[in-house]
Amino acid sequence: MKLVLGTRGSLLAKTQSQIVTDALQQANSGLVIEFKEIKTRGDKKQGTPEASKGDKKDWIYELEQEVLAETIDIAVHSGKDVPSDYEDGTEIMSVLAREDARDVFIGKKQGNGERISFADVPCGASIGTASLRRQASLRRVRPDLVPVEHRGNVPTRLKKLDDSTSLSGIVLAKAGIQRLGVQDCIFEEFDPGMMMPAVNQGILCIQFKTQRSEMRSIISTICEDETQARFTAERACVSLLGADCKSSISVFAECGPNKSLFLSARVLSTDGTQGVEIIRRAGTFTDASKLGETVGNELLAMGAAQIIEGCRASVMR
């Protein structure tokens, strides 16, 4: 059987698609997979003033349309790039084991060739990240720091850091660095209590047309219960909150013994001074969606909607 897999053209996107391809072919004898590279609106905006005005849909919309048109059979995404409002008539399934979901700090190289640690970053220093969640988290733990917009793929961001005369460091997802196998990259992991990950960070997923049950059967051969439970709980929470890239929402599910599940979530204002959070609310794999909705409702009762709306208003100004 032959499948056409849609992927963005970035090095990380193609690397992740190859990881998925290898797993699918190992689990399904005789399966042949061909890549189709698709440029999304997000790709087209990179390096332009419009880059900061987009949303998650910009990174997957063209892939979704080709799934619906059946010009591709499946599309591979980073879980954190998939918005709650993905296209009707399609389904998304998480696949493989979750990569390390933590964010990491990469400091500027000093005169001795070593990178500066987060603890040694001087007061008032500039830290690069385009993520509102990371910016708010940085301000929450280090109000003295100045988050500045920093975009591009992983190699580009690293080069921008080392070429910069103003940045003291940047924040990236560890999963991307690990999957790319970036060499000579010294980093520090942020504890999730300090900087909670984005929804589905480190999770790979596949989108396909709902009517094509044969795709569901093939994809299910590389699904893992733990990853799917975490994927489901986190997405249920942010969906209920109405999260998007113009808000600062973190959510992180952890698995325990006997298929137990623990969900944490945090909503912060843009400047990190206001926030509500739930830490390790317990549930099980089978009620993952209900657990996510419960945590989302608790956050709303604590005032999350007002914080989210304030964050969006500050971004739109």
C-alpha atoms as a PDB file:
ATOM      1  CA  MET A   1       0.000   0.000   0.000  1.00  0.00           C
ATOM      2  CA  LYS A   2       1.196   3.511  -0.796  1.00  0.00           C
ATOM      3  CA  LEU A   3       0.480   6.653   1.258  1.00  0.00           C
ATOM      4  CA  VAL A   4       1.219  10.296   0.544  1.00  0.00           C
ATOM      5  CA  LEU A   5       2.301  12.147   3.689  1.00  0.00           C
ATOM      6  CA  GLY A   6       2.006  15.921   3.810  1.00  0.00           C
ATOM      7  CA  THR A   7       4.672  17.873   5.662  1.00  0.00           C
ATOM      8  CA  ARG A   8       5.907  21.416   6.001  1.00  0.00           C
ATOM      9  CA  GLY A   9       9.331  22.052   4.538  1.00  0.00           C
ATOM     10  CA  SER A  10      11.245  23.014   7.689  1.00  0.00           C
ATOM     11  CA  LEU A  11      14.046  20.750   8.837  1.00  0.00           C
ATOM     12  CA  LEU A  12      12.180  19.892  12.044  1.00  0.00           C
ATOM     13  CA  ALA A  13       8.900  19.169  10.217  1.00  0.00           C
ATOM     14  CA  LYS A  14      10.621  16.849   7.746  1.00  0.00           C
ATOM     15  CA  THR A  15      12.598  15.165  10.527  1.00  0.00           C
ATOM     16  CA  GLN A  16       9.409  14.517  12.497  1.00  0.00           C
ATOM     17  CA  SER A  17       7.667  13.216   9.387  1.00  0.00           C
ATOM     18  CA  GLN A  18      10.550  10.819   8.823  1.00  0.00           C
ATOM     19  CA  ILE A  19      10.297   9.590  12.426  1.00  0.00           C
ATOM     20  CA  VAL A  20       6.601   8.873  11.879  1.00  0.00           C
ATOM     21  CA  THR A  21       7.272   7.264   8.491  1.00  0.00           C
ATOM     22  CA  ASP A  22       9.885   4.901   9.921  1.00  0.00           C
ATOM     23  CA  ALA A  23       7.512   3.834  12.700  1.00  0.00           C
ATOM     24  CA  LEU A  24       4.562   3.298  10.344  1.00  0.00           C
ATOM     25  CA  GLN A  25       6.617   1.243   7.925  1.00  0.00           C
ATOM     26  CA  GLN A  26       8.051  -0.869  10.713  1.00  0.00           C
ATOM     27  CA  ALA A  27       4.553  -1.584  12.046  1.00  0.00           C
ATOM     28  CA  ASN A  28       2.910  -2.129   8.642  1.00  0.00           C
ATOM     29  CA  SER A  29       4.747  -4.489   6.317  1.00  0.00           C
ATOM     30  CA  GLY A  30       4.803  -3.396   2.673  1.00  0.00           C
ATOM     31  CA  LEU A  31       3.693   0.176   3.391  1.00  0.00           C
ATOM     32  CA  VAL A  32       5.285   2.727   1.045  1.00  0.00           C
ATOM     33  CA  ILE A  33       5.195   6.402   2.079  1.00  0.00           C
ATOM     34  CA  GLU A  34       5.905   9.343  -0.206  1.00  0.00           C
ATOM     35  CA  PHE A  35       6.438  12.891   1.117  1.00  0.00           C
ATOM     36  CA  LYS A  36       4.643  15.914  -0.309  1.00  0.00           C
ATOM     37  CA  GLU A  37       6.119  19.192   0.919  1.00  0.00           C
ATOM     38  CA  ILE A  38       3.490  21.880   1.485  1.00  0.00           C
ATOM     39  CA  LYS A  39       4.143  25.546   2.237  1.00  0.00           C
ATOM     40  CA  THR A  40       1.690  26.962   4.774  1.00  0.00           C
ATOM     41  CA  ARG A  41       0.644  30.527   5.462  1.00  0.00           C
ATOM     42  CA  GLY A  42       2.872  30.445   8.515  1.00  0.00           C
ATOM     43  CA  ASP A  43       5.871  29.533   6.377  1.00  0.00           C
ATOM     44  CA  LYS A  44       5.101  32.344   3.939  1.00  0.00           C
ATOM     45  CA  LYS A  45       4.903  34.889   6.774  1.00  0.00           C
ATOM     46  CA  GLN A  46       8.260  33.925   8.292  1.00  0.00           C
ATOM     47  CA  GLY A  47      10.647  36.873   8.279  1.00  0.00           C
ATOM     48  CA  THR A  48       7.889  39.413   7.560  1.00  0.00           C
ATOM     49  CA  PRO A  49       6.019  41.858   9.843  1.00  0.00           C
ATOM     50  CA  GLU A  50       2.989  39.558   9.488  1.00  0.00           C
ATOM     51  CA  ALA A  51       4.746  36.761  11.393  1.00  0.00           C
ATOM     52  CA  SER A  52       3.668  38.130  14.765  1.00  0.00           C
ATOM     53  CA  LYS A  53       0.037  38.560  13.687  1.00  0.00           C
ATOM     54  CA  GLY A  54      -0.783  34.965  12.799  1.00  0.00           C
ATOM     55  CA  ASP A  55      -2.233  32.080  14.769  1.00  0.00           C
ATOM     56  CA  LYS A  56      -1.782  28.318  14.993  1.00  0.00           C
ATOM     57  CA  LYS A  57      -4.101  27.724  12.049  1.00  0.00           C
ATOM     58  CA  ASP A  58      -1.493  29.373   9.809  1.00  0.00           C
ATOM     59  CA  TRP A  59       0.813  26.380  10.293  1.00  0.00           C
ATOM     60  CA  ILE A  60      -1.621  23.627   9.315  1.00  0.00           C
ATOM     61  CA  TYR A  61      -4.453  25.044   7.162  1.00  0.00           C
ATOM     62  CA  GLU A  62      -2.994  24.139   3.751  1.00  0.00           C
ATOM     63  CA  LEU A  63      -2.167  20.638   4.999  1.00  0.00           C
ATOM     64  CA  GLU A  64      -5.744  20.216   6.223  1.00  0.00           C
ATOM     65  CA  GLN A  65      -7.186  21.244   2.869  1.00  0.00           C
ATOM     66  CA  GLU A  66      -5.081  18.646   1.086  1.00  0.00           C
ATOM     67  CA  VAL A  67      -6.203  15.981   3.567  1.00  0.00           C
ATOM     68  CA  LEU A  68      -9.825  16.862   2.808  1.00  0.00           C
ATOM     69  CA  ALA A  69      -9.159  16.885  -0.956  1.00  0.00           C
ATOM     70  CA  GLU A  70      -7.330  13.533  -0.596  1.00  0.00           C
ATOM     71  CA  THR A  71      -4.295  14.895  -2.450  1.00  0.00           C
ATOM     72  CA  ILE A  72      -2.454  13.647   0.618  1.00  0.00           C
ATOM     73  CA  ASP A  73      -3.498  10.743   2.818  1.00  0.00           C
ATOM     74  CA  ILE A  74      -2.139  11.979   6.135  1.00  0.00           C
ATOM     75  CA  ALA A  75      -0.474  15.089   7.577  1.00  0.00           C
ATOM     76  CA  VAL A  76       2.057  15.066  10.399  1.00  0.00           C
ATOM     77  CA  HIS A  77       1.997  17.896  12.952  1.00  0.00           C
ATOM     78  CA  SER A  78       3.648  18.916  16.172  1.00  0.00           C
ATOM     79  CA  GLY A  79       0.834  18.628  18.706  1.00  0.00           C
ATOM     80  CA  LYS A  80       1.437  22.126  20.050  1.00  0.00           C
ATOM     81  CA  ASP A  81       0.834  23.590  16.565  1.00  0.00           C
ATOM     82  CA  VAL A  82      -2.685  22.156  16.221  1.00  0.00           C
ATOM     83  CA  PRO A  83      -5.448  24.580  17.277  1.00  0.00           C
ATOM     84  CA  SER A  84      -8.704  23.516  18.862  1.00  0.00           C
ATOM     85  CA  ASP A  85     -10.617  24.445  15.710  1.00  0.00           C
ATOM     86  CA  TYR A  86      -9.050  22.012  13.262  1.00  0.00           C
ATOM     87  CA  GLU A  87     -11.095  21.268  10.149  1.00  0.00           C
ATOM     88  CA  ASP A  88     -14.438  19.461  10.310  1.00  0.00           C
ATOM     89  CA  GLY A  89     -14.300  16.156   8.499  1.00  0.00           C
ATOM     90  CA  THR A  90     -10.824  15.360   9.819  1.00  0.00           C
ATOM     91  CA  GLU A  91      -9.498  13.544  12.874  1.00  0.00           C
ATOM     92  CA  ILE A  92      -6.221  13.835  14.746  1.00  0.00           C
ATOM     93  CA  MET A  93      -4.493  11.000  16.597  1.00  0.00           C
ATOM     94  CA  SER A  94      -1.359  11.238  18.723  1.00  0.00           C
ATOM     95  CA  VAL A  95       1.394   8.790  17.838  1.00  0.00           C
ATOM     96  CA  LEU A  96       4.554   7.353  19.415  1.00  0.00           C
ATOM     97  CA  ALA A  97       5.955   8.207  22.835  1.00  0.00           C
ATOM     98  CA  ARG A  98       6.021  11.827  23.913  1.00  0.00           C
ATOM     99  CA  GLU A  99       9.410  13.483  23.676  1.00  0.00           C
ATOM    100  CA  ASP A 100      10.599  15.503  26.701  1.00  0.00           C
ATOM    101  CA  ALA A 101       8.013  18.302  26.951  1.00  0.00           C
ATOM    102  CA  ARG A 102      10.131  20.779  28.905  1.00  0.00           C
ATOM    103  CA  ASP A 103      11.306  24.162  27.690  1.00  0.00           C
ATOM    104  CA  VAL A 104      15.013  24.899  27.855  1.00  0.00           C
ATOM    105  CA  PHE A 105      17.210  27.964  28.259  1.00  0.00           C
ATOM    106  CA  ILE A 106      20.190  28.431  25.965  1.00  0.00           C
ATOM    107  CA  GLY A 107      22.536  31.161  27.090  1.00  0.00           C
ATOM    108  CA  LYS A 108      24.760  33.395  25.012  1.00  0.00           C
ATOM    109  CA  LYS A 109      28.338  32.196  24.608  1.00  0.00           C
ATOM    110  CA  GLN A 110      30.788  34.110  26.766  1.00  0.00           C
ATOM    111  CA  GLY A 111      34.411  34.952  26.118  1.00  0.00           C
ATOM    112  CA  ASN A 112      35.553  31.582  27.483  1.00  0.00           C
ATOM    113  CA  GLY A 113      33.270  29.762  25.016  1.00  0.00           C
ATOM    114  CA  GLU A 114      30.844  28.611  27.715  1.00  0.00           C
ATOM    115  CA  ARG A 115      27.183  29.589  27.653  1.00  0.00           C
ATOM    116  CA  ILE A 116      25.812  31.783  30.416  1.00  0.00           C
ATOM    117  CA  SER A 117      23.459  30.022  32.843  1.00  0.00           C
ATOM    118  CA  PHE A 118      19.947  31.270  33.518  1.00  0.00           C
ATOM    119  CA  ALA A 119      20.866  32.074  37.109  1.00  0.00           C
ATOM    120  CA  ASP A 120      23.741  34.252  35.900  1.00  0.00           C
ATOM    121  CA  VAL A 121      21.769  36.236  33.332  1.00  0.00           C
ATOM    122  CA  PRO A 122      22.185  39.874  34.404  1.00  0.00           C
ATOM    123  CA  CYS A 123      19.298  42.059  35.528  1.00  0.00           C
ATOM    124  CA  GLY A 124      17.553  43.760  32.606  1.00  0.00           C
ATOM    125  CA  ALA A 125      18.902  41.299  30.036  1.00  0.00           C
ATOM    126  CA  SER A 126      16.996  40.488  26.833  1.00  0.00           C
ATOM    127  CA  ILE A 127      15.753  36.898  26.337  1.00  0.00           C
ATOM    128  CA  GLY A 128      14.484  35.773  22.945  1.00  0.00           C
ATOM    129  CA  THR A 129      11.164  33.968  22.440  1.00  0.00           C
ATOM    130  CA  ALA A 130       8.110  34.572  20.260  1.00  0.00           C
ATOM    131  CA  SER A 131       5.797  32.609  22.579  1.00  0.00           C
ATOM    132  CA  LEU A 132       3.470  34.651  24.815  1.00  0.00           C
ATOM    133  CA  ARG A 133       3.379  31.729  27.238  1.00  0.00           C
ATOM    134  CA  ARG A 134       7.162  31.705  27.577  1.00  0.00           C
ATOM    135  CA  GLN A 135       7.312  35.498  27.824  1.00  0.00           C
ATOM    136  CA  ALA A 136       4.740  35.550  30.637  1.00  0.00           C
ATOM    137  CA  SER A 137       6.473  32.661  32.420  1.00  0.00           C
ATOM    138  CA  LEU A 138       9.827  34.435  32.225  1.00  0.00           C
ATOM    139  CA  ARG A 139       8.304  37.613  33.656  1.00  0.00           C
ATOM    140  CA  ARG A 140       6.685  35.580  36.427  1.00  0.00           C
ATOM    141  CA  VAL A 141       9.967  34.064  37.635  1.00  0.00           C
ATOM    142  CA  ARG A 142      12.330  36.909  36.633  1.00  0.00           C
ATOM    143  CA  PRO A 143      10.462  40.257  36.393  1.00  0.00           C
ATOM    144  CA  ASP A 144      13.793  41.935  35.739  1.00  0.00           C
ATOM    145  CA  LEU A 145      14.245  40.239  32.355  1.00  0.00           C
ATOM    146  CA  VAL A 146      13.084  41.660  29.023  1.00  0.00           C
ATOM    147  CA  PRO A 147      11.527  39.070  26.669  1.00  0.00           C
ATOM    148  CA  VAL A 148      11.965  40.029  23.015  1.00  0.00           C
ATOM    149  CA  GLU A 149      10.516  38.516  19.851  1.00  0.00           C
ATOM    150  CA  HIS A 150      12.727  35.788  18.424  1.00  0.00           C
ATOM    151  CA  ARG A 151      11.457  33.629  15.529  1.00  0.00           C
ATOM    152  CA  GLY A 152      12.651  31.021  13.049  1.00  0.00           C
ATOM    153  CA  ASN A 153      13.457  27.322  13.017  1.00  0.00           C
ATOM    154  CA  VAL A 154      15.793  25.843  15.622  1.00  0.00           C
ATOM    155  CA  PRO A 155      19.098  26.275  13.707  1.00  0.00           C
ATOM    156  CA  THR A 156      18.102  29.837  12.743  1.00  0.00           C
ATOM    157  CA  ARG A 157      17.294  30.794  16.319  1.00  0.00           C
ATOM    158  CA  LEU A 158      20.586  29.391  17.569  1.00  0.00           C
ATOM    159  CA  LYS A 159      22.515  31.302  14.904  1.00  0.00           C
ATOM    160  CA  LYS A 160      20.608  34.508  15.687  1.00  0.00           C
ATOM    161  CA  LEU A 161      21.535  34.082  19.346  1.00  0.00           C
ATOM    162  CA  ASP A 162      25.222  33.608  18.687  1.00  0.00           C
ATOM    163  CA  ASP A 163      25.309  36.478  16.179  1.00  0.00           C
ATOM    164  CA  SER A 164      23.390  38.837  18.453  1.00  0.00           C
ATOM    165  CA  THR A 165      24.994  41.629  20.460  1.00  0.00           C
ATOM    166  CA  SER A 166      21.864  42.212  22.559  1.00  0.00           C
ATOM    167  CA  LEU A 167      20.457  38.797  23.512  1.00  0.00           C
ATOM    168  CA  SER A 168      21.609  37.021  26.673  1.00  0.00           C
ATOM    169  CA  GLY A 169      19.743  33.839  25.853  1.00  0.00           C
ATOM    170  CA  ILE A 170      16.727  32.203  24.223  1.00  0.00           C
ATOM    171  CA  VAL A 171      14.025  29.724  25.226  1.00  0.00           C
ATOM    172  CA  LEU A 172      13.189  26.726  23.032  1.00  0.00           C
ATOM    173  CA  ALA A 173      11.363  23.402  23.289  1.00  0.00           C
ATOM    174  CA  LYS A 174      13.696  20.570  24.237  1.00  0.00           C
ATOM    175  CA  ALA A 175      11.760  18.186  21.972  1.00  0.00           C
ATOM    176  CA  GLY A 176      12.818  19.996  18.813  1.00  0.00           C
ATOM    177  CA  ILE A 177      16.478  20.060  19.813  1.00  0.00           C
ATOM    178  CA  GLN A 178      16.388  16.366  20.686  1.00  0.00           C
ATOM    179  CA  ARG A 179      14.659  15.292  17.497  1.00  0.00           C
ATOM    180  CA  LEU A 180      17.042  17.286  15.325  1.00  0.00           C
ATOM    181  CA  GLY A 181      20.046  15.903  17.178  1.00  0.00           C
ATOM    182  CA  VAL A 182      21.563  19.392  17.418  1.00  0.00           C
ATOM    183  CA  GLN A 183      25.207  19.082  18.336  1.00  0.00           C
ATOM    184  CA  ASP A 184      27.201  21.385  20.627  1.00  0.00           C
ATOM    185  CA  CYS A 185      24.052  22.831  22.157  1.00  0.00           C
ATOM    186  CA  ILE A 186      24.351  23.233  25.908  1.00  0.00           C
ATOM    187  CA  PHE A 187      21.013  23.968  27.538  1.00  0.00           C
ATOM    188  CA  GLU A 188      19.252  24.021  30.914  1.00  0.00           C
ATOM    189  CA  GLU A 189      15.815  22.449  31.373  1.00  0.00           C
ATOM    190  CA  PHE A 190      13.148  24.520  33.071  1.00  0.00           C
ATOM    191  CA  ASP A 191      11.251  22.624  35.730  1.00  0.00           C
ATOM    192  CA  PRO A 192       7.561  22.453  34.692  1.00  0.00           C
ATOM    193  CA  GLY A 193       6.699  24.203  37.950  1.00  0.00           C
ATOM    194  CA  MET A 194       8.732  27.209  36.794  1.00  0.00           C
ATOM    195  CA  MET A 195       7.792  27.154  33.107  1.00  0.00           C
ATOM    196  CA  MET A 196       4.911  24.787  32.404  1.00  0.00           C
ATOM    197  CA  PRO A 197       4.900  23.407  28.826  1.00  0.00           C
ATOM    198  CA  ALA A 198       2.481  24.309  26.059  1.00  0.00           C
ATOM    199  CA  VAL A 199      -0.425  22.006  25.255  1.00  0.00           C
ATOM    200  CA  ASN A 200       0.826  18.788  23.598  1.00  0.00           C
ATOM    201  CA  GLN A 201       4.428  20.022  23.479  1.00  0.00           C
ATOM    202  CA  GLY A 202       6.659  17.105  22.499  1.00  0.00           C
ATOM    203  CA  ILE A 203       3.764  15.084  21.040  1.00  0.00           C
ATOM    204  CA  LEU A 204       3.546  14.151  17.360  1.00  0.00           C
ATOM    205  CA  CYS A 205       0.152  13.628  15.777  1.00  0.00           C
ATOM    206  CA  ILE A 206      -1.374  12.629  12.463  1.00  0.00           C
ATOM    207  CA  GLN A 207      -4.388  14.226  10.802  1.00  0.00           C
ATOM    208  CA  PHE A 208      -6.533  12.314   8.317  1.00  0.00           C
ATOM    209  CA  LYS A 209      -9.958  12.453   6.705  1.00  0.00           C
ATOM    210  CA  THR A 210     -12.611  11.026   9.040  1.00  0.00           C
ATOM    211  CA  GLN A 211     -14.302   9.003   6.301  1.00  0.00           C
ATOM    212  CA  ARG A 212     -11.108   7.062   5.625  1.00  0.00           C
ATOM    213  CA  SER A 213     -11.289   4.357   8.264  1.00  0.00           C
ATOM    214  CA  GLU A 214      -8.326   2.554   6.698  1.00  0.00           C
ATOM    215  CA  MET A 215      -6.112   5.481   7.732  1.00  0.00           C
ATOM    216  CA  ARG A 216      -7.329   5.160  11.320  1.00  0.00           C
ATOM    217  CA  SER A 217      -6.385   1.464  11.318  1.00  0.00           C
ATOM    218  CA  ILE A 218      -2.885   2.123   9.980  1.00  0.00           C
ATOM    219  CA  ILE A 219      -2.208   5.026  12.343  1.00  0.00           C
ATOM    220  CA  SER A 220      -3.437   3.063  15.373  1.00  0.00           C
ATOM    221  CA  THR A 221      -0.491   0.672  14.953  1.00  0.00           C
ATOM    222  CA  ILE A 222       1.862   3.363  16.332  1.00  0.00           C
ATOM    223  CA  CYS A 223      -0.418   4.915  18.955  1.00  0.00           C
ATOM    224  CA  GLU A 224       0.521   4.662  22.639  1.00  0.00           C
ATOM    225  CA  ASP A 225      -1.999   4.735  25.483  1.00  0.00           C
ATOM    226  CA  GLU A 226       0.046   7.060  27.700  1.00  0.00           C
ATOM    227  CA  THR A 227       0.618   9.615  24.961  1.00  0.00           C
ATOM    228  CA  GLN A 228      -3.026   9.513  23.878  1.00  0.00           C
ATOM    229  CA  ALA A 229      -4.253  10.065  27.440  1.00  0.00           C
ATOM    230  CA  ARG A 230      -1.962  13.075  27.897  1.00  0.00           C
ATOM    231  CA  PHE A 231      -2.877  14.394  24.443  1.00  0.00           C
ATOM    232  CA  THR A 232      -6.602  14.109  25.162  1.00  0.00           C
ATOM    233  CA  ALA A 233      -6.573  15.644  28.654  1.00  0.00           C
ATOM    234  CA  GLU A 234      -4.472  18.626  27.637  1.00  0.00           C
ATOM    235  CA  ARG A 235      -6.521  19.363  24.520  1.00  0.00           C
ATOM    236  CA  ALA A 236      -9.820  19.080  26.397  1.00  0.00           C
ATOM    237  CA  CYS A 237      -8.596  21.644  28.918  1.00  0.00           C
ATOM    238  CA  VAL A 238      -7.391  24.274  26.433  1.00  0.00           C
ATOM    239  CA  SER A 239     -10.415  23.731  24.197  1.00  0.00           C
ATOM    240  CA  LEU A 240     -12.747  24.544  27.069  1.00  0.00           C
ATOM    241  CA  LEU A 241     -10.656  27.606  27.950  1.00  0.00           C
ATOM    242  CA  GLY A 242     -10.715  28.800  24.347  1.00  0.00           C
ATOM    243  CA  ALA A 243      -6.933  28.943  24.246  1.00  0.00           C
ATOM    244  CA  ASP A 244      -5.018  30.310  21.263  1.00  0.00           C
ATOM    245  CA  CYS A 245      -1.587  31.772  20.555  1.00  0.00           C
ATOM    246  CA  LYS A 246      -2.760  35.192  21.746  1.00  0.00           C
ATOM    247  CA  SER A 247      -3.101  33.924  25.318  1.00  0.00           C
ATOM    248  CA  SER A 248      -0.674  32.564  27.875  1.00  0.00           C
ATOM    249  CA  ILE A 249      -1.925  29.104  28.797  1.00  0.00           C
ATOM    250  CA  SER A 250       0.196  26.169  29.938  1.00  0.00           C
ATOM    251  CA  VAL A 251      -1.081  22.639  30.455  1.00  0.00           C
ATOM    252  CA  PHE A 252       0.828  19.484  31.258  1.00  0.00           C
ATOM    253  CA  ALA A 253      -0.374  15.922  31.880  1.00  0.00           C
ATOM    254  CA  GLU A 254       1.730  13.279  33.632  1.00  0.00           C
ATOM    255  CA  CYS A 255       1.117   9.551  33.888  1.00  0.00           C
ATOM    256  CA  GLY A 256       1.312   7.474  37.063  1.00  0.00           C
ATOM    257  CA  PRO A 257       0.931   3.788  37.991  1.00  0.00           C
ATOM    258  CA  ASN A 258      -2.166   1.785  37.064  1.00  0.00           C
ATOM    259  CA  LYS A 259      -3.101   4.189  34.255  1.00  0.00           C
ATOM    260  CA  SER A 260      -3.468   7.158  36.583  1.00  0.00           C
ATOM    261  CA  LEU A 261      -3.249  10.628  35.078  1.00  0.00           C
ATOM    262  CA  PHE A 262      -2.360  13.981  36.650  1.00  0.00           C
ATOM    263  CA  LEU A 263      -3.138  17.281  34.959  1.00  0.00           C
ATOM    264  CA  SER A 264      -1.664  20.697  35.748  1.00  0.00           C
ATOM    265  CA  ALA A 265      -2.618  23.963  34.045  1.00  0.00           C
ATOM    266  CA  ARG A 266      -1.734  27.629  34.429  1.00  0.00           C
ATOM    267  CA  VAL A 267      -3.152  30.824  32.929  1.00  0.00           C
ATOM    268  CA  LEU A 268      -1.027  33.968  33.153  1.00  0.00           C
ATOM    269  CA  SER A 269      -1.435  37.602  32.238  1.00  0.00           C
ATOM    270  CA  THR A 270       0.944  38.992  29.619  1.00  0.00           C
ATOM    271  CA  ASP A 271       3.236  40.484  32.249  1.00  0.00           C
ATOM    272  CA  GLY A 272       3.118  37.379  34.450  1.00  0.00           C
ATOM    273  CA  THR A 273       1.832  39.280  37.487  1.00  0.00           C
ATOM    274  CA  GLN A 274      -1.637  37.706  37.485  1.00  0.00           C
ATOM    275  CA  GLY A 275      -2.423  34.062  37.195  1.00  0.00           C
ATOM    276  CA  VAL A 276      -4.481  31.068  38.233  1.00  0.00           C
ATOM    277  CA  GLU A 277      -3.351  27.467  38.297  1.00  0.00           C
ATOM    278  CA  ILE A 278      -4.302  23.897  39.113  1.00  0.00           C
ATOM    279  CA  ILE A 279      -1.494  21.504  40.036  1.00  0.00           C
ATOM    280  CA  ARG A 280      -1.740  17.727  39.488  1.00  0.00           C
ATOM    281  CA  ARG A 281      -5.480  17.166  39.528  1.00  0.00           C
ATOM    282  CA  ALA A 282      -5.882  13.365  39.477  1.00  0.00           C
ATOM    283  CA  GLY A 283      -7.793  11.183  37.044  1.00  0.00           C
ATOM    284  CA  THR A 284      -7.350   8.090  34.879  1.00  0.00           C
ATOM    285  CA  PHE A 285      -6.608   7.319  31.227  1.00  0.00           C
ATOM    286  CA  THR A 286     -10.245   6.438  30.589  1.00  0.00           C
ATOM    287  CA  ASP A 287     -11.545   9.793  31.826  1.00  0.00           C
ATOM    288  CA  ALA A 288      -8.783  11.912  30.262  1.00  0.00           C
ATOM    289  CA  SER A 289     -11.204  14.179  28.441  1.00  0.00           C
ATOM    290  CA  LYS A 290     -13.358  14.643  31.542  1.00  0.00           C
ATOM    291  CA  LEU A 291     -10.246  15.464  33.595  1.00  0.00           C
ATOM    292  CA  GLY A 292      -9.256  18.159  31.108  1.00  0.00           C
ATOM    293  CA  GLU A 293     -12.735  19.677  31.179  1.00  0.00           C
ATOM    294  CA  THR A 294     -12.801  19.588  34.990  1.00  0.00           C
ATOM    295  CA  VAL A 295      -9.501  21.453  35.249  1.00  0.00           C
ATOM    296  CA  GLY A 296     -10.626  23.939  32.595  1.00  0.00           C
ATOM    297  CA  ASN A 297     -13.875  24.643  34.455  1.00  0.00           C
ATOM    298  CA  GLU A 298     -12.014  25.084  37.743  1.00  0.00           C
ATOM    299  CA  LEU A 299      -9.702  27.619  36.117  1.00  0.00           C
ATOM    300  CA  LEU A 300     -12.673  29.512  34.690  1.00  0.00           C
ATOM    301  CA  ALA A 301     -14.240  29.620  38.147  1.00  0.00           C
ATOM    302  CA  MET A 302     -10.978  31.128  39.421  1.00  0.00           C
ATOM    303  CA  GLY A 303     -11.083  33.958  36.851  1.00  0.00           C
ATOM    304  CA  ALA A 304      -9.146  32.496  33.920  1.00  0.00           C
ATOM    305  CA  ALA A 305     -11.483  33.999  31.284  1.00  0.00           C
ATOM    306  CA  GLN A 306     -10.753  37.536  32.424  1.00  0.00           C
ATOM    307  CA  ILE A 307      -7.010  36.932  32.361  1.00  0.00           C
ATOM    308  CA  ILE A 308      -7.203  35.379  28.893  1.00  0.00           C
ATOM    309  CA  GLU A 309      -9.269  38.284  27.563  1.00  0.00           C
ATOM    310  CA  GLY A 310      -6.847  40.787  29.069  1.00  0.00           C
ATOM    311  CA  CYS A 311      -3.935  38.991  27.445  1.00  0.00           C
ATOM    312  CA  ARG A 312      -5.609  39.063  24.034  1.00  0.00           C
ATOM    313  CA  ALA A 313      -6.455  42.735  24.394  1.00  0.00           C
ATOM    314  CA  SER A 314      -2.858  43.618  25.216  1.00  0.00           C
ATOM    315  CA  VAL A 315      -1.614  41.667  22.172  1.00  0.00           C
ATOM    316  CA  MET A 316      -4.061  43.355  19.814  1.00  0.00           C
ATOM    317  CA  ARG A 317      -3.054  46.861  20.894  1.00  0.00           C
END
